[in-house]
Amino acid sequence: MSIFDVLNEAIKLLASDIHISSNSKIKFRINGDLLNFNDYELNNNETQLLTKELIGEEYIVVLEKENEVDLSKTLIDNTRLRINAYKQKGSYSLSIRIINSKILSFEELGLKNVLESIYKKQSGLILITGVTGSGKSTTLSSIIDKINNTQKKHIITLEDPIEYIHKSNKSLINQREIKIDTKNYNTGLKSILRQDPDVILIGEMRDTDTIEASLKASETGHLVFSTLHTMGASKSIDRIIDSFESSRQNQIRMQLSTVLQAIICQKLVKTNYGKRVLVAEVMIVTPAIRNLIRENKTYQIQNIIQTSSKNNMKTLDQDLVRLYREKTISKETLIENCNDIEFVENMIRIERWA
């Protein structure tokens, strides 16, 4: 069996991910569920062969040395793959994300009003947050594509690895991959500030150095987009501030209150039609929210989001209730994914559940 047979079947079935491990069946993630590719369990030798076939000898050397390696790959049909090869119990394993080559529009994402209100910003920090596999990269690619096709900007991205390939249109786009085009996020960011950018995309704010460089870039007149693995706007703010030593947190809080423009927190949930749909919490930074960040009262931000629909804001629970009322998701899905059951009950006026 060739790894490309597996990839072709996964692409045909619209799988988002492939998982390959020894002493296990090959798994496809389809609409959020892990399903078996077949009934055959791979042994150590077979997973090793599949891994070598996919990533090649160059990355096998890195895998042997570091025990894990990240890379991207483009297939003959231009399908992009994000690959993580790693060791478990001394054998090779693969986690492969299949990237949809089509860049979705704001309308297709269901975020038209929100994204239309932020992509024209001239400077500041915009965060797309959520767990792994919640569509953060897809949303970022849509925003970058919109800027590229409507504005005359210099866009530079730092990604690990590069997922969506953009071709310069009205804008000039330079995409840099960590470990191939630059050493790391922090080194790349310092270099970017000497490259006359207007828009900077940072694949992920992973550590204090990257966060600090992102804030600096936002302060100096650049529009910066990045991601965090957090759920909720206020939690994202707390995560950034708590990344720093207590002696520096007030300074970071002041910086963040000045540069932050918006936070979109995403989640993918199952629909009644067997697909998945994006649910989002949206916080657009207003003077009131800037004050709460400065005064260390982020716990009050949720109340502002709940009552600011006129500013395109909404909580995750409000968006879930909308989908439930539209009969897009079931009551079970609503309950499983909401943050505040009591709030949700009051909104849809249904009986209380355990």
Protein backbone atom coordinates (compact mmCIF):
# COMPACT_ATOMS: atom_id res chain seq x y z
CA MET A 1 0.00 0.00 0.00
CA SER A 2 1.31 3.43 -0.96
CA ILE A 3 0.81 6.53 1.17
CA PHE A 4 -0.59 8.19 -1.94
CA ASP A 5 -3.36 5.57 -2.16
CA VAL A 6 -4.34 6.59 1.37
CA LEU A 7 -4.15 10.30 0.52
CA ASN A 8 -6.26 9.90 -2.63
CA GLU A 9 -8.99 8.06 -0.71
CA ALA A 10 -8.97 10.66 2.07
CA ILE A 11 -9.28 13.50 -0.44
CA LYS A 12 -12.11 11.68 -2.21
CA LEU A 13 -13.99 11.29 1.10
CA LEU A 14 -13.39 14.97 2.02
CA ALA A 15 -11.45 14.01 5.14
CA SER A 16 -9.79 16.87 7.03
CA ASP A 17 -7.10 14.74 8.72
CA ILE A 18 -5.34 11.38 8.45
CA HIS A 19 -3.79 9.56 11.42
CA ILE A 20 -1.30 6.73 10.94
CA SER A 21 0.21 4.78 13.86
CA SER A 22 1.66 1.32 14.32
CA ASN A 23 -0.58 -1.41 15.79
CA SER A 24 -3.59 0.63 14.73
CA LYS A 25 -5.88 1.08 11.75
CA ILE A 26 -5.45 4.15 9.56
CA LYS A 27 -7.98 6.78 10.65
CA PHE A 28 -9.68 9.56 8.65
CA ARG A 29 -11.36 12.51 10.36
CA ILE A 30 -14.55 13.24 8.44
CA ASN A 31 -16.95 15.94 9.69
CA GLY A 32 -15.26 15.77 13.07
CA ASP A 33 -15.44 11.98 13.55
CA LEU A 34 -12.51 9.53 13.35
CA LEU A 35 -13.35 6.68 10.95
CA ASN A 36 -11.32 3.64 9.85
CA PHE A 37 -9.76 3.69 6.37
CA ASN A 38 -9.91 -0.12 6.39
CA ASP A 39 -9.77 -3.01 8.88
CA TYR A 40 -6.02 -3.59 8.61
CA GLU A 41 -3.71 -2.77 11.53
CA LEU A 42 -0.29 -1.48 10.51
CA ASN A 43 2.90 -2.83 12.05
CA ASN A 44 6.04 -0.83 12.88
CA ASN A 45 7.73 -1.58 9.58
CA GLU A 46 4.70 -0.49 7.55
CA THR A 47 4.30 2.84 9.36
CA GLN A 48 8.01 3.45 8.86
CA LEU A 49 7.72 2.81 5.11
CA LEU A 50 4.65 5.07 4.78
CA THR A 51 6.40 7.84 6.71
CA LYS A 52 9.58 7.64 4.62
CA GLU A 53 7.53 7.64 1.41
CA LEU A 54 5.69 10.80 2.44
CA ILE A 55 8.37 12.98 4.03
CA GLY A 56 11.57 11.74 2.36
CA GLU A 57 15.03 11.00 3.71
CA GLU A 58 15.87 14.63 4.51
CA TYR A 59 13.08 14.90 7.07
CA ILE A 60 13.62 11.34 8.33
CA VAL A 61 17.05 12.54 9.52
CA VAL A 62 15.37 15.38 11.44
CA LEU A 63 12.73 12.99 12.81
CA GLU A 64 15.42 10.63 14.09
CA LYS A 65 17.26 13.50 15.76
CA GLU A 66 14.35 15.52 17.17
CA ASN A 67 11.69 12.74 17.51
CA GLU A 68 9.20 14.94 15.64
CA VAL A 69 9.12 17.19 12.60
CA ASP A 70 6.64 19.60 10.97
CA LEU A 71 6.50 20.20 7.24
CA SER A 72 4.17 21.03 4.37
CA LYS A 73 3.85 19.29 1.03
CA THR A 74 2.07 19.98 -2.27
CA LEU A 75 0.68 17.03 -4.24
CA ILE A 76 0.52 16.80 -8.04
CA ASP A 77 -3.09 18.05 -8.03
CA ASN A 78 -1.96 21.08 -5.92
CA THR A 79 -3.57 19.74 -2.75
CA ARG A 80 -1.61 21.07 0.24
CA LEU A 81 -0.76 18.93 3.24
CA ARG A 82 0.37 19.99 6.71
CA ILE A 83 2.30 17.07 8.15
CA ASN A 84 3.50 16.26 11.66
CA ALA A 85 5.66 13.12 11.83
CA TYR A 86 6.53 11.94 15.33
CA LYS A 87 7.59 8.95 17.38
CA GLN A 88 5.41 7.03 19.80
CA LYS A 89 6.55 3.90 21.62
CA GLY A 90 9.67 4.04 19.48
CA SER A 91 7.80 3.79 16.15
CA TYR A 92 6.84 6.39 13.55
CA SER A 93 3.43 8.07 13.43
CA LEU A 94 1.86 10.60 11.07
CA SER A 95 -0.75 13.27 11.56
CA ILE A 96 -1.69 14.81 8.22
CA ARG A 97 -3.99 17.83 7.72
CA ILE A 98 -5.48 18.12 4.22
CA ILE A 99 -5.80 21.78 3.33
CA ASN A 100 -8.66 22.75 1.07
CA SER A 101 -7.00 24.60 -1.81
CA LYS A 102 -10.07 26.80 -2.23
CA ILE A 103 -9.88 30.00 -0.21
CA LEU A 104 -13.33 30.64 1.23
CA SER A 105 -15.03 34.02 0.98
CA PHE A 106 -16.33 35.97 3.97
CA GLU A 107 -19.86 34.88 3.00
CA GLU A 108 -18.92 31.19 2.83
CA LEU A 109 -17.36 31.41 6.30
CA GLY A 110 -20.53 33.00 7.67
CA LEU A 111 -18.51 35.97 8.96
CA LYS A 112 -19.21 38.57 6.26
CA ASN A 113 -20.28 41.48 8.48
CA VAL A 114 -17.55 40.83 11.03
CA LEU A 115 -14.64 40.46 8.60
CA GLU A 116 -15.81 43.36 6.41
CA SER A 117 -15.55 45.56 9.49
CA ILE A 118 -11.95 44.63 10.33
CA TYR A 119 -9.95 43.77 7.21
CA LYS A 120 -9.57 47.45 6.22
CA LYS A 121 -7.92 48.40 9.52
CA GLN A 122 -4.61 50.18 8.99
CA SER A 123 -2.84 49.02 12.14
CA GLY A 124 -3.30 47.04 15.33
CA LEU A 125 -3.61 43.40 16.37
CA ILE A 126 -6.39 41.04 15.27
CA LEU A 127 -6.52 37.54 16.79
CA ILE A 128 -8.25 34.42 15.49
CA THR A 129 -8.48 31.90 18.34
CA GLY A 130 -9.80 28.40 18.95
CA VAL A 131 -8.70 24.81 19.43
CA THR A 132 -6.73 22.87 16.82
CA GLY A 133 -8.88 22.13 13.77
CA SER A 134 -11.34 24.98 14.34
CA GLY A 135 -10.62 26.70 11.00
CA LYS A 136 -8.31 29.49 12.18
CA SER A 137 -5.99 29.17 9.17
CA THR A 138 -8.99 29.12 6.83
CA THR A 139 -10.30 32.41 8.24
CA LEU A 140 -6.87 34.03 8.08
CA SER A 141 -6.43 32.94 4.46
CA SER A 142 -9.79 34.50 3.59
CA ILE A 143 -8.77 37.83 5.16
CA ILE A 144 -5.37 37.86 3.46
CA ASP A 145 -7.00 36.98 0.13
CA LYS A 146 -9.46 39.88 0.52
CA ILE A 147 -6.68 42.36 1.29
CA ASN A 148 -4.60 41.00 -1.60
CA ASN A 149 -7.44 41.47 -4.09
CA THR A 150 -8.66 44.89 -2.92
CA GLN A 151 -5.72 46.86 -1.47
CA LYS A 152 -2.21 47.88 -2.52
CA LYS A 153 -0.30 46.53 0.47
CA HIS A 154 2.88 44.61 1.24
CA ILE A 155 1.81 41.46 3.09
CA ILE A 156 4.39 39.24 4.80
CA THR A 157 3.45 35.97 6.50
CA LEU A 158 5.38 33.82 8.97
CA GLU A 159 3.97 30.29 9.01
CA ASP A 160 4.95 26.89 10.39
CA PRO A 161 4.38 25.45 7.88
CA ILE A 162 2.88 27.48 5.01
CA GLU A 163 -0.64 26.21 4.41
CA TYR A 164 -2.53 28.31 1.85
CA ILE A 165 -0.50 29.58 -1.10
CA HIS A 166 -1.31 33.17 -2.10
CA LYS A 167 -0.36 34.76 -5.43
CA SER A 168 0.27 38.50 -5.41
CA ASN A 169 -2.52 40.54 -6.99
CA LYS A 170 -3.09 44.18 -6.01
CA SER A 171 -0.90 43.50 -3.00
CA LEU A 172 2.60 42.05 -2.86
CA ILE A 173 2.67 38.85 -0.76
CA ASN A 174 5.80 37.21 0.64
CA GLN A 175 5.26 33.98 2.57
CA ARG A 176 8.05 32.77 4.85
CA GLU A 177 8.19 29.32 6.41
CA ILE A 178 9.75 28.71 9.81
CA LYS A 179 12.99 26.64 9.67
CA ILE A 180 13.17 26.99 5.87
CA ASP A 181 13.02 30.76 5.23
CA THR A 182 13.77 31.96 8.77
CA LYS A 183 15.01 30.40 12.00
CA ASN A 184 11.93 30.99 14.19
CA TYR A 185 9.01 33.37 14.71
CA ASN A 186 10.98 35.82 16.84
CA THR A 187 13.91 36.07 14.40
CA GLY A 188 11.53 36.34 11.45
CA LEU A 189 9.52 39.11 13.10
CA LYS A 190 12.60 41.20 13.85
CA SER A 191 13.61 40.85 10.21
CA ILE A 192 10.12 41.62 8.89
CA LEU A 193 10.14 45.06 10.49
CA ARG A 194 13.03 45.96 8.13
CA GLN A 195 11.13 44.76 5.04
CA ASP A 196 8.58 47.60 4.73
CA PRO A 197 5.43 45.55 5.47
CA ASP A 198 1.90 46.91 5.79
CA VAL A 199 0.26 43.66 6.90
CA ILE A 200 1.93 40.89 8.92
CA LEU A 201 0.49 37.42 9.48
CA ILE A 202 2.04 35.39 12.30
CA GLY A 203 0.93 31.77 12.22
CA GLU A 204 0.81 31.46 16.00
CA MET A 205 1.83 33.51 19.03
CA ARG A 206 3.68 30.69 20.79
CA ASP A 207 5.80 32.40 23.45
CA THR A 208 6.50 35.70 25.17
CA ASP A 209 9.11 36.74 22.59
CA THR A 210 6.65 36.31 19.72
CA ILE A 211 3.85 38.05 21.63
CA GLU A 212 6.11 40.98 22.50
CA ALA A 213 7.33 41.33 18.91
CA SER A 214 3.72 41.20 17.68
CA LEU A 215 2.69 43.98 20.06
CA LYS A 216 5.67 46.07 18.94
CA ALA A 217 4.78 45.58 15.27
CA SER A 218 1.17 46.57 16.01
CA GLU A 219 2.31 49.68 17.88
CA THR A 220 4.54 50.86 15.03
CA GLY A 221 1.76 51.18 12.45
CA HIS A 222 1.42 47.65 11.08
CA LEU A 223 -1.73 45.52 10.86
CA VAL A 224 -0.90 42.19 12.52
CA PHE A 225 -2.95 39.00 12.37
CA SER A 226 -2.19 35.97 14.51
CA THR A 227 -3.72 32.98 16.33
CA LEU A 228 -3.94 31.57 19.83
CA HIS A 229 -5.15 28.20 21.08
CA THR A 230 -7.71 29.72 23.44
CA MET A 231 -11.51 29.68 23.73
CA GLY A 232 -13.16 33.04 24.39
CA ALA A 233 -12.13 36.66 23.97
CA SER A 234 -11.44 37.44 27.62
CA LYS A 235 -9.46 34.20 28.06
CA SER A 236 -7.33 35.15 25.07
CA ILE A 237 -6.50 38.51 26.65
CA ASP A 238 -5.68 36.85 29.97
CA ARG A 239 -3.50 34.26 28.21
CA ILE A 240 -1.39 36.98 26.59
CA ILE A 241 -0.94 38.96 29.80
CA ASP A 242 -0.31 35.89 31.97
CA SER A 243 2.48 34.79 29.61
CA PHE A 244 4.66 37.50 31.13
CA GLU A 245 6.23 37.83 34.56
CA SER A 246 4.04 39.68 37.06
CA SER A 247 6.43 42.66 37.07
CA ARG A 248 5.72 43.23 33.35
CA GLN A 249 2.01 42.49 33.20
CA ASN A 250 0.82 46.07 33.71
CA GLN A 251 3.00 47.26 30.84
CA ILE A 252 1.71 44.48 28.55
CA ARG A 253 -1.85 45.22 29.62
CA MET A 254 -1.43 48.86 28.60
CA GLN A 255 0.13 47.90 25.25
CA LEU A 256 -2.60 45.37 24.50
CA SER A 257 -5.38 47.82 25.37
CA THR A 258 -3.91 50.24 22.83
CA VAL A 259 -3.25 47.93 19.86
CA LEU A 260 -5.90 45.20 20.08
CA GLN A 261 -8.61 45.63 17.42
CA ALA A 262 -10.63 42.41 17.49
CA ILE A 263 -10.74 38.80 18.64
CA ILE A 264 -12.68 36.11 16.78
CA CYS A 265 -12.94 32.82 18.67
CA GLN A 266 -13.98 29.92 16.43
CA LYS A 267 -15.43 26.44 16.84
CA LEU A 268 -16.72 23.87 14.35
CA VAL A 269 -19.91 22.02 15.37
CA LYS A 270 -21.99 19.31 13.71
CA THR A 271 -25.08 20.32 11.78
CA ASN A 272 -28.33 18.39 11.33
CA TYR A 273 -27.18 17.61 7.78
CA GLY A 274 -24.02 15.65 8.57
CA LYS A 275 -21.63 18.56 7.92
CA ARG A 276 -19.91 21.02 10.22
CA VAL A 277 -20.56 24.72 10.59
CA LEU A 278 -18.45 27.51 12.05
CA VAL A 279 -19.62 29.10 15.31
CA ALA A 280 -17.87 32.25 16.48
CA GLU A 281 -17.53 34.58 19.41
CA VAL A 282 -16.67 38.07 18.16
CA MET A 283 -15.22 40.92 20.17
CA ILE A 284 -14.63 44.25 18.42
CA VAL A 285 -12.53 46.45 20.68
CA THR A 286 -14.38 49.60 21.76
CA PRO A 287 -13.25 52.35 24.19
CA ALA A 288 -15.17 50.57 26.96
CA ILE A 289 -13.31 47.30 26.31
CA ARG A 290 -9.96 49.13 26.17
CA ASN A 291 -10.70 50.53 29.63
CA LEU A 292 -11.57 47.09 31.00
CA ILE A 293 -8.29 45.67 29.68
CA ARG A 294 -6.30 48.54 31.23
CA GLU A 295 -8.11 48.20 34.56
CA ASN A 296 -7.64 44.39 34.66
CA LYS A 297 -11.39 43.75 34.51
CA THR A 298 -11.50 41.34 31.59
CA TYR A 299 -14.16 39.29 33.40
CA GLN A 300 -16.65 42.08 32.50
CA ILE A 301 -15.93 41.90 28.76
CA GLN A 302 -18.43 39.07 28.20
CA ASN A 303 -21.28 41.34 29.30
CA ILE A 304 -20.29 43.98 26.74
CA ILE A 305 -20.09 41.39 23.97
CA GLN A 306 -23.57 40.07 24.84
CA THR A 307 -25.13 43.54 24.56
CA SER A 308 -23.23 44.91 21.54
CA SER A 309 -24.80 43.22 18.53
CA LYS A 310 -25.00 46.62 16.80
CA ASN A 311 -21.19 46.52 16.68
CA ASN A 312 -21.22 43.00 15.12
CA MET A 313 -20.31 41.43 18.45
CA LYS A 314 -21.71 38.13 19.71
CA THR A 315 -20.86 35.46 22.25
CA LEU A 316 -20.36 31.83 21.30
CA ASP A 317 -23.61 30.94 23.05
CA GLN A 318 -25.55 33.59 21.13
CA ASP A 319 -24.22 32.21 17.85
CA LEU A 320 -25.12 28.66 18.87
CA VAL A 321 -28.66 29.74 19.74
CA ARG A 322 -28.97 31.43 16.35
CA LEU A 323 -28.04 28.19 14.60
CA TYR A 324 -30.48 26.24 16.80
CA ARG A 325 -33.33 28.62 15.98
CA GLU A 326 -32.48 28.27 12.28
CA LYS A 327 -32.71 24.46 12.75
CA THR A 328 -29.09 24.09 11.59
CA ILE A 329 -27.99 22.32 14.78
CA SER A 330 -29.81 20.07 17.24
CA LYS A 331 -30.59 20.75 20.89
CA GLU A 332 -27.99 18.13 21.83
CA THR A 333 -25.30 19.96 19.83
CA LEU A 334 -26.36 23.24 21.41
CA ILE A 335 -26.04 21.80 24.92
CA GLU A 336 -22.73 20.04 24.24
CA ASN A 337 -21.04 23.18 22.95
CA CYS A 338 -22.48 26.06 24.98
CA ASN A 339 -20.61 27.71 27.85
CA ASP A 340 -23.58 28.79 29.99
CA ILE A 341 -26.57 26.43 29.96
CA GLU A 342 -28.71 28.76 32.06
CA PHE A 343 -28.10 31.66 29.71
CA VAL A 344 -28.94 29.49 26.70
CA GLU A 345 -32.14 28.24 28.34
CA ASN A 346 -33.29 31.78 28.98
CA MET A 347 -32.58 32.77 25.38
CA ILE A 348 -34.59 30.00 23.74
CA ARG A 349 -37.18 29.57 26.53
CA ILE A 350 -37.09 25.80 26.69
CA GLU A 351 -37.41 23.44 29.64
CA ARG A 352 -34.46 23.09 31.94
CA TRP A 353 -32.28 20.04 31.35
CA ALA A 354 -29.94 18.15 33.63
